[in-house]
Amino acid sequence: RGIGPRGYAADPSESPHRLVGVSATEAHPADYYLSGVSVVRCSTRVSRNPLLAGMKTLNRLEQVLARAEWRSPKIAEGLMFDEHENLISGVMSNVFLVADGALLTPGLSHSGIAGTMRQRVIDVWLKQGLQIAECTITPELFSEASEIFLTNALIGLWPVTKIDARQYSVGDFSRRTMTLLAAAGVIECSASAKAGA
């Protein structure tokens, strides 16, 4: 919003400023890709705001609060839900799940982030002739999931093998998606896709 006095009103004549941050990427354990990760359900709820749904803004207070809910290094991520207990996302990731043989991801009509890796997953599967369903992941639908994986631009894809006390297997969709992403140039998925093939 450019330079101006304090307050919420922005001067329309000001030009916005763009800031770019550069930092080294963090290497994640290879086991996260090969054997999957453990995650927890967060009690912090994601608010519904259709105006901002899909956007990633600097206001990530809900995610900061959710990430403070666990300290164990054995937990890689937390899952976030709205006030109706519908699955929205991970704290730092988008979520995909397989239920009744279909690949699904939470829709973005009220909450959530349109992550770049989320879109790449949708795109690589569309090229294979499969349209991923973007829909409301109700508690009932979530309970029917046979396979779950997480994505973001920094991690690529992590299969989920444990949510709280419930166990999952690294499934075919996770492996195939990792292989498709590796072929599309997602470096994080390359070595793990070969090892898991």
N, C-alpha and C. Protein backbone atom coordinates (compact mmCIF):
# COMPACT_ATOMS: atom_id res chain seq x y z
N ARG A 1 0.81 -1.20 0.00
CA ARG A 1 0.00 0.00 0.00
C ARG A 1 0.85 1.26 0.00
N GLY A 2 2.16 1.11 -0.14
CA GLY A 2 3.01 2.29 -0.24
C GLY A 2 3.28 2.94 1.10
N ILE A 3 3.72 4.19 1.04
CA ILE A 3 4.06 4.95 2.24
C ILE A 3 2.90 5.86 2.60
N GLY A 4 2.58 5.91 3.88
CA GLY A 4 1.49 6.77 4.30
C GLY A 4 1.38 6.81 5.80
N PRO A 5 0.43 7.56 6.32
CA PRO A 5 0.25 7.65 7.77
C PRO A 5 -0.33 6.35 8.33
N ARG A 6 -0.31 6.25 9.65
CA ARG A 6 -0.90 5.09 10.30
C ARG A 6 -2.41 5.04 10.06
N GLY A 7 -2.96 3.84 10.13
CA GLY A 7 -4.40 3.69 9.94
C GLY A 7 -4.68 2.72 8.81
N TYR A 8 -5.95 2.38 8.65
CA TYR A 8 -6.34 1.38 7.65
C TYR A 8 -6.60 1.97 6.27
N ALA A 9 -6.87 3.27 6.20
CA ALA A 9 -7.17 3.88 4.91
C ALA A 9 -5.89 4.02 4.09
N ALA A 10 -5.89 3.44 2.89
CA ALA A 10 -4.72 3.52 2.02
C ALA A 10 -4.92 4.66 1.02
N ASP A 11 -3.85 5.40 0.75
CA ASP A 11 -3.89 6.48 -0.24
C ASP A 11 -3.87 5.85 -1.63
N PRO A 12 -4.92 6.03 -2.43
CA PRO A 12 -4.96 5.39 -3.75
C PRO A 12 -3.90 5.88 -4.71
N SER A 13 -3.28 7.02 -4.42
CA SER A 13 -2.23 7.54 -5.31
C SER A 13 -0.87 6.90 -5.04
N GLU A 14 -0.74 6.20 -3.91
CA GLU A 14 0.54 5.57 -3.57
C GLU A 14 0.74 4.29 -4.38
N SER A 15 1.99 4.04 -4.76
CA SER A 15 2.33 2.79 -5.45
C SER A 15 2.69 1.74 -4.41
N PRO A 16 2.21 0.51 -4.59
CA PRO A 16 2.54 -0.53 -3.60
C PRO A 16 4.02 -0.89 -3.63
N HIS A 17 4.54 -1.33 -2.50
CA HIS A 17 5.92 -1.78 -2.40
C HIS A 17 5.95 -3.30 -2.54
N ARG A 18 6.98 -3.80 -3.17
CA ARG A 18 7.17 -5.25 -3.27
C ARG A 18 8.47 -5.62 -2.56
N LEU A 19 8.36 -6.56 -1.65
CA LEU A 19 9.52 -7.04 -0.91
C LEU A 19 9.75 -8.50 -1.25
N VAL A 20 10.98 -8.87 -1.51
CA VAL A 20 11.33 -10.25 -1.84
C VAL A 20 12.33 -10.74 -0.81
N GLY A 21 12.03 -11.86 -0.18
CA GLY A 21 12.95 -12.47 0.77
C GLY A 21 13.57 -13.72 0.18
N VAL A 22 14.84 -13.92 0.41
CA VAL A 22 15.55 -15.09 -0.10
C VAL A 22 16.23 -15.79 1.07
N SER A 23 16.03 -17.09 1.17
CA SER A 23 16.69 -17.85 2.23
C SER A 23 16.97 -19.26 1.74
N ALA A 24 17.87 -19.93 2.43
CA ALA A 24 18.22 -21.30 2.05
C ALA A 24 17.04 -22.23 2.36
N THR A 25 16.87 -23.25 1.53
CA THR A 25 15.80 -24.22 1.78
C THR A 25 16.25 -25.22 2.84
N GLU A 26 15.28 -25.73 3.56
CA GLU A 26 15.56 -26.70 4.62
C GLU A 26 15.42 -28.11 4.07
N ALA A 27 16.42 -28.95 4.33
CA ALA A 27 16.34 -30.34 3.89
C ALA A 27 15.46 -31.13 4.85
N HIS A 28 14.52 -31.86 4.31
CA HIS A 28 13.63 -32.68 5.14
C HIS A 28 14.07 -34.13 5.09
N PRO A 29 13.82 -34.88 6.14
CA PRO A 29 14.26 -36.29 6.17
C PRO A 29 13.69 -37.09 5.00
N ALA A 30 14.54 -37.90 4.39
CA ALA A 30 14.10 -38.74 3.27
C ALA A 30 12.97 -39.66 3.69
N ASP A 31 12.97 -40.03 4.97
CA ASP A 31 11.94 -40.94 5.48
C ASP A 31 10.54 -40.33 5.39
N TYR A 32 10.46 -39.01 5.43
CA TYR A 32 9.15 -38.35 5.29
C TYR A 32 8.51 -38.71 3.95
N TYR A 33 9.34 -38.81 2.92
CA TYR A 33 8.83 -39.09 1.58
C TYR A 33 8.60 -40.59 1.36
N LEU A 34 9.46 -41.39 1.94
CA LEU A 34 9.40 -42.84 1.70
C LEU A 34 8.42 -43.55 2.61
N SER A 35 8.44 -43.21 3.90
CA SER A 35 7.62 -43.92 4.88
C SER A 35 6.45 -43.10 5.40
N GLY A 36 6.39 -41.82 5.05
CA GLY A 36 5.29 -40.99 5.47
C GLY A 36 5.53 -40.27 6.78
N VAL A 37 4.57 -39.43 7.16
CA VAL A 37 4.71 -38.58 8.34
C VAL A 37 3.53 -38.76 9.29
N SER A 38 3.78 -38.41 10.54
CA SER A 38 2.73 -38.39 11.56
C SER A 38 2.22 -36.96 11.70
N VAL A 39 0.91 -36.82 11.79
CA VAL A 39 0.30 -35.51 11.96
C VAL A 39 -0.72 -35.55 13.09
N VAL A 40 -1.13 -34.38 13.54
CA VAL A 40 -2.15 -34.29 14.59
C VAL A 40 -3.30 -33.41 14.11
N ARG A 41 -4.44 -33.58 14.74
CA ARG A 41 -5.58 -32.70 14.51
C ARG A 41 -5.42 -31.49 15.43
N CYS A 42 -5.48 -30.30 14.88
CA CYS A 42 -5.35 -29.08 15.68
C CYS A 42 -6.72 -28.64 16.20
N SER A 43 -6.73 -28.07 17.39
CA SER A 43 -7.97 -27.55 17.95
C SER A 43 -8.26 -26.13 17.47
N THR A 44 -7.21 -25.41 17.04
CA THR A 44 -7.42 -24.07 16.49
C THR A 44 -8.22 -24.18 15.21
N ARG A 45 -9.29 -23.42 15.11
CA ARG A 45 -10.17 -23.49 13.95
C ARG A 45 -9.81 -22.43 12.90
N VAL A 46 -10.03 -22.79 11.64
CA VAL A 46 -9.84 -21.86 10.54
C VAL A 46 -11.14 -21.09 10.35
N SER A 47 -11.05 -19.77 10.32
CA SER A 47 -12.26 -18.97 10.14
C SER A 47 -12.71 -18.98 8.68
N ARG A 48 -13.99 -18.76 8.48
CA ARG A 48 -14.56 -18.72 7.14
C ARG A 48 -14.60 -17.27 6.66
N ASN A 49 -13.99 -17.02 5.51
CA ASN A 49 -13.99 -15.68 4.93
C ASN A 49 -13.91 -15.81 3.42
N PRO A 50 -15.05 -15.87 2.73
CA PRO A 50 -15.05 -16.06 1.27
C PRO A 50 -14.25 -15.00 0.52
N LEU A 51 -14.16 -13.78 1.07
CA LEU A 51 -13.44 -12.71 0.39
C LEU A 51 -11.95 -13.02 0.28
N LEU A 52 -11.39 -13.68 1.30
CA LEU A 52 -9.96 -13.97 1.33
C LEU A 52 -9.64 -15.44 1.03
N ALA A 53 -10.66 -16.26 0.85
CA ALA A 53 -10.43 -17.69 0.63
C ALA A 53 -9.56 -17.91 -0.60
N GLY A 54 -8.56 -18.78 -0.46
CA GLY A 54 -7.64 -19.07 -1.55
C GLY A 54 -6.38 -18.23 -1.52
N MET A 55 -6.42 -17.07 -0.86
CA MET A 55 -5.26 -16.17 -0.84
C MET A 55 -4.34 -16.48 0.33
N LYS A 56 -3.06 -16.26 0.10
CA LYS A 56 -2.09 -16.35 1.18
C LYS A 56 -1.67 -14.94 1.54
N THR A 57 -2.08 -14.49 2.71
CA THR A 57 -1.75 -13.14 3.16
C THR A 57 -0.72 -13.23 4.29
N LEU A 58 -0.28 -12.07 4.75
CA LEU A 58 0.68 -12.04 5.85
C LEU A 58 0.01 -12.30 7.20
N ASN A 59 -1.31 -12.32 7.24
CA ASN A 59 -2.02 -12.60 8.49
C ASN A 59 -2.17 -14.11 8.65
N ARG A 60 -1.22 -14.73 9.33
CA ARG A 60 -1.24 -16.18 9.52
C ARG A 60 -1.37 -16.52 11.00
N LEU A 61 -2.08 -15.69 11.74
CA LEU A 61 -2.19 -15.89 13.19
C LEU A 61 -2.82 -17.24 13.53
N GLU A 62 -3.83 -17.66 12.77
CA GLU A 62 -4.45 -18.96 13.05
C GLU A 62 -3.43 -20.09 12.92
N GLN A 63 -2.57 -19.98 11.91
CA GLN A 63 -1.56 -21.01 11.71
C GLN A 63 -0.49 -20.96 12.80
N VAL A 64 -0.13 -19.76 13.25
CA VAL A 64 0.83 -19.63 14.34
C VAL A 64 0.28 -20.28 15.61
N LEU A 65 -0.99 -20.03 15.90
CA LEU A 65 -1.62 -20.64 17.08
C LEU A 65 -1.71 -22.15 16.94
N ALA A 66 -2.05 -22.61 15.76
CA ALA A 66 -2.17 -24.06 15.54
C ALA A 66 -0.81 -24.73 15.68
N ARG A 67 0.23 -24.11 15.15
CA ARG A 67 1.57 -24.72 15.21
C ARG A 67 2.09 -24.79 16.64
N ALA A 68 1.59 -23.92 17.50
CA ALA A 68 2.01 -23.94 18.91
C ALA A 68 1.38 -25.08 19.69
N GLU A 69 0.51 -25.85 19.06
CA GLU A 69 -0.20 -26.92 19.77
C GLU A 69 0.63 -28.18 19.97
N TRP A 70 1.74 -28.32 19.25
CA TRP A 70 2.58 -29.50 19.47
C TRP A 70 4.05 -29.12 19.44
N ARG A 71 4.83 -29.87 20.19
CA ARG A 71 6.27 -29.65 20.28
C ARG A 71 7.08 -30.86 19.84
N SER A 72 6.45 -32.01 19.78
CA SER A 72 7.18 -33.24 19.47
C SER A 72 7.79 -33.19 18.07
N PRO A 73 9.10 -33.48 17.95
CA PRO A 73 9.72 -33.53 16.62
C PRO A 73 9.22 -34.71 15.79
N LYS A 74 8.49 -35.63 16.41
CA LYS A 74 7.94 -36.76 15.67
C LYS A 74 6.69 -36.38 14.88
N ILE A 75 6.14 -35.21 15.18
CA ILE A 75 4.96 -34.73 14.47
C ILE A 75 5.41 -33.74 13.40
N ALA A 76 5.08 -34.04 12.14
CA ALA A 76 5.54 -33.21 11.04
C ALA A 76 4.58 -32.08 10.69
N GLU A 77 3.30 -32.25 11.01
CA GLU A 77 2.31 -31.27 10.56
C GLU A 77 1.02 -31.42 11.37
N GLY A 78 0.19 -30.41 11.32
CA GLY A 78 -1.12 -30.45 11.97
C GLY A 78 -2.21 -30.20 10.94
N LEU A 79 -3.35 -30.82 11.14
CA LEU A 79 -4.50 -30.62 10.26
C LEU A 79 -5.45 -29.61 10.88
N MET A 80 -5.99 -28.73 10.05
CA MET A 80 -6.88 -27.67 10.53
C MET A 80 -8.28 -27.83 9.94
N PHE A 81 -9.26 -27.53 10.76
CA PHE A 81 -10.67 -27.70 10.41
C PHE A 81 -11.41 -26.40 10.67
N ASP A 82 -12.60 -26.26 10.06
CA ASP A 82 -13.41 -25.09 10.35
C ASP A 82 -14.36 -25.37 11.52
N GLU A 83 -15.26 -24.44 11.80
CA GLU A 83 -16.12 -24.60 12.97
C GLU A 83 -17.14 -25.72 12.81
N HIS A 84 -17.30 -26.21 11.58
CA HIS A 84 -18.21 -27.33 11.33
C HIS A 84 -17.47 -28.67 11.29
N GLU A 85 -16.18 -28.64 11.65
CA GLU A 85 -15.32 -29.84 11.65
C GLU A 85 -14.99 -30.32 10.24
N ASN A 86 -15.18 -29.47 9.24
CA ASN A 86 -14.77 -29.81 7.88
C ASN A 86 -13.27 -29.59 7.74
N LEU A 87 -12.58 -30.52 7.10
CA LEU A 87 -11.14 -30.38 6.88
C LEU A 87 -10.87 -29.23 5.92
N ILE A 88 -9.93 -28.36 6.27
CA ILE A 88 -9.57 -27.23 5.43
C ILE A 88 -8.17 -27.38 4.84
N SER A 89 -7.19 -27.68 5.69
CA SER A 89 -5.80 -27.71 5.22
C SER A 89 -4.90 -28.23 6.33
N GLY A 90 -3.62 -28.30 6.02
CA GLY A 90 -2.62 -28.46 7.05
C GLY A 90 -2.22 -27.07 7.53
N VAL A 91 -1.44 -27.01 8.60
CA VAL A 91 -0.97 -25.72 9.09
C VAL A 91 -0.14 -25.02 8.02
N MET A 92 0.70 -25.78 7.33
CA MET A 92 1.57 -25.21 6.30
C MET A 92 1.37 -25.89 4.95
N SER A 93 0.33 -26.67 4.79
CA SER A 93 0.20 -27.49 3.59
C SER A 93 -1.25 -27.59 3.12
N ASN A 94 -1.40 -28.02 1.88
CA ASN A 94 -2.69 -28.45 1.37
C ASN A 94 -2.81 -29.95 1.56
N VAL A 95 -4.04 -30.44 1.62
CA VAL A 95 -4.30 -31.84 1.92
C VAL A 95 -5.08 -32.48 0.78
N PHE A 96 -4.67 -33.70 0.43
CA PHE A 96 -5.41 -34.53 -0.52
C PHE A 96 -5.74 -35.83 0.18
N LEU A 97 -6.88 -36.40 -0.16
CA LEU A 97 -7.23 -37.70 0.41
C LEU A 97 -7.94 -38.55 -0.62
N VAL A 98 -7.88 -39.85 -0.39
CA VAL A 98 -8.55 -40.82 -1.24
C VAL A 98 -9.70 -41.42 -0.44
N ALA A 99 -10.90 -41.32 -0.99
CA ALA A 99 -12.08 -41.90 -0.35
C ALA A 99 -12.91 -42.59 -1.43
N ASP A 100 -13.21 -43.86 -1.22
CA ASP A 100 -13.99 -44.64 -2.17
C ASP A 100 -13.38 -44.60 -3.57
N GLY A 101 -12.04 -44.63 -3.62
CA GLY A 101 -11.33 -44.68 -4.89
C GLY A 101 -11.18 -43.35 -5.61
N ALA A 102 -11.71 -42.26 -5.04
CA ALA A 102 -11.62 -40.94 -5.67
C ALA A 102 -10.61 -40.08 -4.95
N LEU A 103 -9.89 -39.25 -5.71
CA LEU A 103 -8.91 -38.32 -5.14
C LEU A 103 -9.59 -36.98 -4.91
N LEU A 104 -9.52 -36.49 -3.67
CA LEU A 104 -10.24 -35.29 -3.25
C LEU A 104 -9.30 -34.29 -2.58
N THR A 105 -9.70 -33.03 -2.61
CA THR A 105 -9.00 -32.00 -1.84
C THR A 105 -10.04 -30.98 -1.39
N PRO A 106 -9.84 -30.37 -0.22
CA PRO A 106 -10.82 -29.38 0.24
C PRO A 106 -11.01 -28.24 -0.75
N GLY A 107 -12.26 -27.84 -0.97
CA GLY A 107 -12.55 -26.68 -1.80
C GLY A 107 -12.13 -25.40 -1.10
N LEU A 108 -12.09 -24.31 -1.86
CA LEU A 108 -11.58 -23.04 -1.33
C LEU A 108 -12.64 -21.95 -1.35
N SER A 109 -13.90 -22.32 -1.24
CA SER A 109 -14.95 -21.31 -1.33
C SER A 109 -15.06 -20.44 -0.08
N HIS A 110 -14.66 -20.96 1.07
CA HIS A 110 -14.80 -20.20 2.32
C HIS A 110 -13.48 -20.01 3.08
N SER A 111 -12.55 -20.94 2.90
CA SER A 111 -11.29 -20.90 3.66
C SER A 111 -10.23 -21.63 2.85
N GLY A 112 -8.99 -21.52 3.33
CA GLY A 112 -7.91 -22.28 2.72
C GLY A 112 -7.05 -21.45 1.79
N ILE A 113 -5.97 -22.08 1.34
CA ILE A 113 -4.98 -21.44 0.48
C ILE A 113 -4.89 -22.19 -0.84
N ALA A 114 -4.88 -21.44 -1.94
CA ALA A 114 -4.69 -22.04 -3.25
C ALA A 114 -3.19 -22.20 -3.47
N GLY A 115 -2.60 -23.21 -2.85
CA GLY A 115 -1.16 -23.42 -2.92
C GLY A 115 -0.68 -23.76 -4.32
N THR A 116 0.55 -23.37 -4.63
CA THR A 116 1.09 -23.64 -5.96
C THR A 116 1.29 -25.14 -6.19
N MET A 117 1.71 -25.88 -5.16
CA MET A 117 1.89 -27.32 -5.32
C MET A 117 0.53 -28.01 -5.40
N ARG A 118 -0.44 -27.51 -4.70
CA ARG A 118 -1.81 -28.03 -4.83
C ARG A 118 -2.25 -27.98 -6.29
N GLN A 119 -2.01 -26.82 -6.92
CA GLN A 119 -2.41 -26.67 -8.32
C GLN A 119 -1.62 -27.59 -9.24
N ARG A 120 -0.34 -27.79 -8.93
CA ARG A 120 0.46 -28.69 -9.76
C ARG A 120 -0.05 -30.12 -9.68
N VAL A 121 -0.47 -30.53 -8.48
CA VAL A 121 -1.04 -31.88 -8.34
C VAL A 121 -2.31 -31.99 -9.18
N ILE A 122 -3.16 -30.99 -9.10
CA ILE A 122 -4.39 -30.99 -9.90
C ILE A 122 -4.05 -31.06 -11.38
N ASP A 123 -3.05 -30.29 -11.80
CA ASP A 123 -2.67 -30.24 -13.22
C ASP A 123 -2.07 -31.55 -13.72
N VAL A 124 -1.17 -32.16 -12.94
CA VAL A 124 -0.53 -33.39 -13.43
C VAL A 124 -1.54 -34.52 -13.54
N TRP A 125 -2.51 -34.55 -12.64
CA TRP A 125 -3.54 -35.59 -12.72
C TRP A 125 -4.52 -35.31 -13.84
N LEU A 126 -4.78 -34.04 -14.12
CA LEU A 126 -5.67 -33.69 -15.22
C LEU A 126 -5.08 -34.16 -16.55
N LYS A 127 -3.75 -34.06 -16.67
CA LYS A 127 -3.08 -34.56 -17.88
C LYS A 127 -3.18 -36.07 -18.01
N GLN A 128 -3.41 -36.74 -16.88
CA GLN A 128 -3.59 -38.20 -16.89
C GLN A 128 -5.06 -38.57 -17.09
N GLY A 129 -5.91 -37.57 -17.25
CA GLY A 129 -7.33 -37.83 -17.47
C GLY A 129 -8.15 -37.94 -16.21
N LEU A 130 -7.57 -37.55 -15.07
CA LEU A 130 -8.29 -37.64 -13.80
C LEU A 130 -8.53 -36.24 -13.25
N GLN A 131 -9.78 -35.92 -13.00
CA GLN A 131 -10.11 -34.63 -12.39
C GLN A 131 -10.28 -34.83 -10.89
N ILE A 132 -9.47 -34.12 -10.13
CA ILE A 132 -9.55 -34.19 -8.67
C ILE A 132 -10.77 -33.41 -8.20
N ALA A 133 -11.54 -34.01 -7.32
CA ALA A 133 -12.73 -33.35 -6.79
C ALA A 133 -12.34 -32.35 -5.72
N GLU A 134 -12.68 -31.08 -5.93
CA GLU A 134 -12.49 -30.04 -4.92
C GLU A 134 -13.83 -29.86 -4.23
N CYS A 135 -13.92 -30.27 -2.99
CA CYS A 135 -15.22 -30.35 -2.33
C CYS A 135 -15.10 -30.13 -0.83
N THR A 136 -16.24 -30.11 -0.17
CA THR A 136 -16.27 -30.01 1.29
C THR A 136 -15.91 -31.37 1.88
N ILE A 137 -14.86 -31.39 2.68
CA ILE A 137 -14.44 -32.64 3.33
C ILE A 137 -15.08 -32.68 4.71
N THR A 138 -16.25 -33.27 4.77
CA THR A 138 -17.01 -33.36 6.02
C THR A 138 -16.34 -34.36 6.96
N PRO A 139 -16.71 -34.34 8.23
CA PRO A 139 -16.15 -35.34 9.16
C PRO A 139 -16.40 -36.77 8.69
N GLU A 140 -17.58 -37.01 8.11
CA GLU A 140 -17.89 -38.36 7.63
C GLU A 140 -16.99 -38.75 6.47
N LEU A 141 -16.80 -37.83 5.53
CA LEU A 141 -15.93 -38.11 4.38
C LEU A 141 -14.49 -38.29 4.83
N PHE A 142 -14.06 -37.45 5.76
CA PHE A 142 -12.69 -37.55 6.28
C PHE A 142 -12.46 -38.90 6.94
N SER A 143 -13.46 -39.39 7.65
CA SER A 143 -13.31 -40.67 8.35
C SER A 143 -13.23 -41.84 7.38
N GLU A 144 -13.70 -41.65 6.15
CA GLU A 144 -13.67 -42.70 5.14
C GLU A 144 -12.37 -42.73 4.35
N ALA A 145 -11.49 -41.77 4.58
CA ALA A 145 -10.25 -41.69 3.81
C ALA A 145 -9.37 -42.91 4.03
N SER A 146 -8.92 -43.48 2.94
CA SER A 146 -8.01 -44.63 3.02
C SER A 146 -6.57 -44.21 2.80
N GLU A 147 -6.39 -42.99 2.34
CA GLU A 147 -5.04 -42.50 2.02
C GLU A 147 -5.06 -40.98 2.09
N ILE A 148 -4.00 -40.40 2.63
CA ILE A 148 -3.91 -38.94 2.76
C ILE A 148 -2.48 -38.51 2.45
N PHE A 149 -2.34 -37.39 1.73
CA PHE A 149 -1.00 -36.81 1.57
C PHE A 149 -1.08 -35.29 1.61
N LEU A 150 0.07 -34.68 1.92
CA LEU A 150 0.20 -33.24 2.10
C LEU A 150 1.10 -32.67 1.01
N THR A 151 0.85 -31.43 0.62
CA THR A 151 1.71 -30.78 -0.37
C THR A 151 1.96 -29.33 0.01
N ASN A 152 3.12 -28.85 -0.35
CA ASN A 152 3.38 -27.41 -0.47
C ASN A 152 4.64 -27.24 -1.30
N ALA A 153 4.95 -25.99 -1.63
CA ALA A 153 6.05 -25.73 -2.56
C ALA A 153 7.41 -26.08 -1.99
N LEU A 154 7.55 -26.12 -0.66
CA LEU A 154 8.84 -26.42 -0.05
C LEU A 154 9.06 -27.90 0.21
N ILE A 155 7.99 -28.63 0.46
CA ILE A 155 8.15 -30.06 0.78
C ILE A 155 7.86 -30.96 -0.41
N GLY A 156 7.15 -30.46 -1.39
CA GLY A 156 6.70 -31.34 -2.47
C GLY A 156 5.48 -32.11 -1.99
N LEU A 157 5.69 -33.37 -1.64
CA LEU A 157 4.59 -34.23 -1.18
C LEU A 157 5.05 -35.13 -0.06
N TRP A 158 4.28 -35.16 1.02
CA TRP A 158 4.52 -36.10 2.12
C TRP A 158 3.30 -36.99 2.30
N PRO A 159 3.45 -38.30 2.21
CA PRO A 159 2.34 -39.18 2.55
C PRO A 159 2.10 -39.14 4.06
N VAL A 160 0.85 -39.26 4.46
CA VAL A 160 0.49 -39.31 5.88
C VAL A 160 0.29 -40.76 6.29
N THR A 161 0.99 -41.18 7.33
CA THR A 161 0.83 -42.56 7.81
C THR A 161 0.24 -42.63 9.21
N LYS A 162 0.06 -41.47 9.86
CA LYS A 162 -0.55 -41.49 11.19
C LYS A 162 -1.19 -40.15 11.49
N ILE A 163 -2.46 -40.19 11.91
CA ILE A 163 -3.15 -39.00 12.40
C ILE A 163 -3.60 -39.32 13.82
N ASP A 164 -2.97 -38.66 14.78
CA ASP A 164 -3.20 -39.00 16.19
C ASP A 164 -2.92 -40.50 16.37
N ALA A 165 -3.93 -41.30 16.68
CA ALA A 165 -3.69 -42.73 16.90
C ALA A 165 -4.04 -43.58 15.68
N ARG A 166 -4.62 -42.98 14.65
CA ARG A 166 -5.04 -43.76 13.48
C ARG A 166 -3.90 -43.93 12.49
N GLN A 167 -3.72 -45.15 12.02
CA GLN A 167 -2.64 -45.48 11.09
C GLN A 167 -3.15 -45.53 9.65
N TYR A 168 -2.29 -45.12 8.72
CA TYR A 168 -2.56 -45.20 7.29
C TYR A 168 -1.35 -45.82 6.60
N SER A 169 -1.59 -46.36 5.42
CA SER A 169 -0.49 -46.86 4.59
C SER A 169 -0.15 -45.81 3.55
N VAL A 170 1.11 -45.84 3.08
CA VAL A 170 1.48 -45.01 1.94
C VAL A 170 0.85 -45.67 0.71
N GLY A 171 -0.14 -45.03 0.13
CA GLY A 171 -0.93 -45.67 -0.91
C GLY A 171 -0.46 -45.39 -2.32
N ASP A 172 -1.16 -46.00 -3.27
CA ASP A 172 -0.82 -45.88 -4.68
C ASP A 172 -0.93 -44.44 -5.18
N PHE A 173 -1.97 -43.72 -4.74
CA PHE A 173 -2.12 -42.34 -5.21
C PHE A 173 -0.96 -41.47 -4.75
N SER A 174 -0.50 -41.68 -3.53
CA SER A 174 0.64 -40.91 -3.03
C SER A 174 1.88 -41.18 -3.88
N ARG A 175 2.16 -42.45 -4.12
CA ARG A 175 3.33 -42.82 -4.91
C ARG A 175 3.22 -42.34 -6.35
N ARG A 176 2.06 -42.53 -6.94
CA ARG A 176 1.89 -42.12 -8.33
C ARG A 176 1.95 -40.60 -8.48
N THR A 177 1.37 -39.90 -7.52
CA THR A 177 1.44 -38.44 -7.56
C THR A 177 2.87 -37.96 -7.41
N MET A 178 3.62 -38.60 -6.53
CA MET A 178 5.02 -38.24 -6.35
C MET A 178 5.81 -38.47 -7.64
N THR A 179 5.53 -39.57 -8.31
CA THR A 179 6.20 -39.88 -9.58
C THR A 179 5.84 -38.84 -10.64
N LEU A 180 4.57 -38.46 -10.71
CA LEU A 180 4.14 -37.45 -11.68
C LEU A 180 4.77 -36.09 -11.39
N LEU A 181 4.85 -35.72 -10.12
CA LEU A 181 5.48 -34.46 -9.76
C LEU A 181 6.97 -34.47 -10.07
N ALA A 182 7.62 -35.60 -9.81
CA ALA A 182 9.05 -35.72 -10.12
C ALA A 182 9.27 -35.55 -11.62
N ALA A 183 8.41 -36.15 -12.43
CA ALA A 183 8.52 -36.03 -13.88
C ALA A 183 8.25 -34.60 -14.34
N ALA A 184 7.48 -33.85 -13.54
CA ALA A 184 7.17 -32.45 -13.86
C ALA A 184 8.24 -31.50 -13.33
N GLY A 185 9.29 -32.05 -12.70
CA GLY A 185 10.41 -31.23 -12.25
C GLY A 185 10.42 -30.84 -10.79
N VAL A 186 9.56 -31.46 -9.99
CA VAL A 186 9.56 -31.17 -8.55
C VAL A 186 10.69 -31.97 -7.91
N ILE A 187 11.80 -31.29 -7.62
CA ILE A 187 13.03 -31.94 -7.17
C ILE A 187 12.81 -32.72 -5.88
N GLU A 188 12.01 -32.16 -4.96
CA GLU A 188 11.80 -32.81 -3.67
C GLU A 188 11.24 -34.22 -3.82
N CYS A 189 10.52 -34.46 -4.89
CA CYS A 189 9.88 -35.76 -5.10
C CYS A 189 10.72 -36.72 -5.93
N SER A 190 11.81 -36.24 -6.52
CA SER A 190 12.56 -37.05 -7.48
C SER A 190 13.19 -38.29 -6.88
N ALA A 191 14.06 -38.13 -5.90
CA ALA A 191 14.77 -39.28 -5.32
C ALA A 191 13.80 -40.21 -4.62
N SER A 192 12.82 -39.63 -3.92
CA SER A 192 11.88 -40.46 -3.18
C SER A 192 10.98 -41.24 -4.12
N ALA A 193 10.64 -40.66 -5.27
CA ALA A 193 9.80 -41.36 -6.22
C ALA A 193 10.53 -42.56 -6.79
N LYS A 194 11.83 -42.40 -7.06
CA LYS A 194 12.63 -43.52 -7.57
C LYS A 194 12.77 -44.61 -6.52
N ALA A 195 13.01 -44.19 -5.28
CA ALA A 195 13.20 -45.17 -4.21
C ALA A 195 11.91 -45.91 -3.91
N GLY A 196 10.78 -45.22 -4.06
CA GLY A 196 9.51 -45.85 -3.74
C GLY A 196 8.89 -46.60 -4.90
N ALA A 197 9.50 -46.53 -6.07
CA ALA A 197 8.93 -47.18 -7.25
C ALA A 197 9.03 -48.68 -7.15
